[in-house]
Protein backbone atom coordinates (compact mmCIF):
# COMPACT_ATOMS: atom_id res chain seq x y z
CA MET A 1 62.66 105.28 116.08
CA GLY A 2 66.07 106.04 114.55
CA LYS A 3 67.50 109.31 113.37
CA ILE A 4 67.11 110.34 109.76
CA VAL A 5 70.52 110.85 108.18
CA PRO A 6 70.60 113.25 105.22
CA PHE A 7 72.21 111.63 102.17
CA ARG A 8 74.18 113.94 99.91
CA LYS A 9 74.55 112.70 96.38
CA PRO A 10 78.01 113.47 94.88
CA SER A 11 77.93 115.92 92.00
CA LEU A 12 79.06 114.90 88.53
CA LYS A 13 82.04 117.22 88.92
CA GLU A 14 83.22 115.34 92.04
CA LYS A 15 82.61 111.93 90.47
CA ALA A 16 84.60 112.69 87.32
CA LYS A 17 87.46 114.59 88.98
CA ALA A 18 89.75 111.63 89.68
CA HIS A 19 88.99 109.85 86.41
CA THR A 20 89.55 112.96 84.32
CA LEU A 21 92.81 113.89 86.05
CA CYS A 22 94.36 110.45 85.56
CA LYS A 23 93.05 110.22 82.01
CA ASN A 24 94.90 113.46 81.17
CA GLY A 25 98.15 112.29 82.80
CA PHE A 26 97.86 114.01 86.19
CA HIS A 27 98.28 110.96 88.43
CA LYS A 28 98.72 111.11 92.19
CA TRP A 29 101.80 108.92 92.69
CA LYS A 30 102.59 107.31 96.03
CA MET A 31 105.50 104.99 96.78
CA VAL A 32 104.56 101.38 97.55
CA THR A 33 105.90 100.59 101.02
CA LYS A 34 105.40 96.81 100.91
CA GLN A 35 108.20 96.55 98.39
CA PRO A 36 110.49 99.52 99.14
CA PHE A 37 112.95 98.89 96.29
CA ASP A 38 114.15 96.24 93.88
CA VAL A 39 117.58 95.77 92.35
CA LYS A 40 117.34 95.55 88.58
CA GLN A 41 120.41 95.60 86.33
CA GLY A 42 122.54 97.01 89.14
CA ARG A 43 120.24 100.00 89.87
CA LEU A 44 117.70 100.63 92.60
CA VAL A 45 114.15 100.57 91.26
CA THR A 46 111.24 102.04 93.25
CA LEU A 47 107.59 101.16 92.56
CA PHE A 48 105.01 103.96 92.54
CA ARG A 49 101.21 103.47 92.39
CA CYS A 50 98.52 106.06 91.58
CA THR A 51 96.11 106.40 94.51
CA ARG A 52 93.20 107.28 92.21
CA CYS A 53 93.34 104.73 89.38
CA GLY A 54 95.89 102.12 90.54
CA LYS A 55 98.32 102.49 87.63
CA GLU A 56 101.92 101.53 88.51
CA LYS A 57 105.26 102.87 87.35
CA ASN A 58 108.90 102.07 88.12
CA LYS A 59 111.52 104.70 88.72
CA ALA A 60 115.24 103.96 88.64
CA ILE A 61 117.17 105.94 91.22
């Protein structure tokens, strides 16, 4: 017979944390490494993606 593994159900606070933060503008930006930079109109442009919701933004350096 196998072991019984206790299953902990995530609280509503934990479930809504990421959604609420991004909804209020507090994204967790991370630079996309597949495409390190792009040249656009003579400037370097870096692509950032939010790790929680997947939204993307460009930043000209």
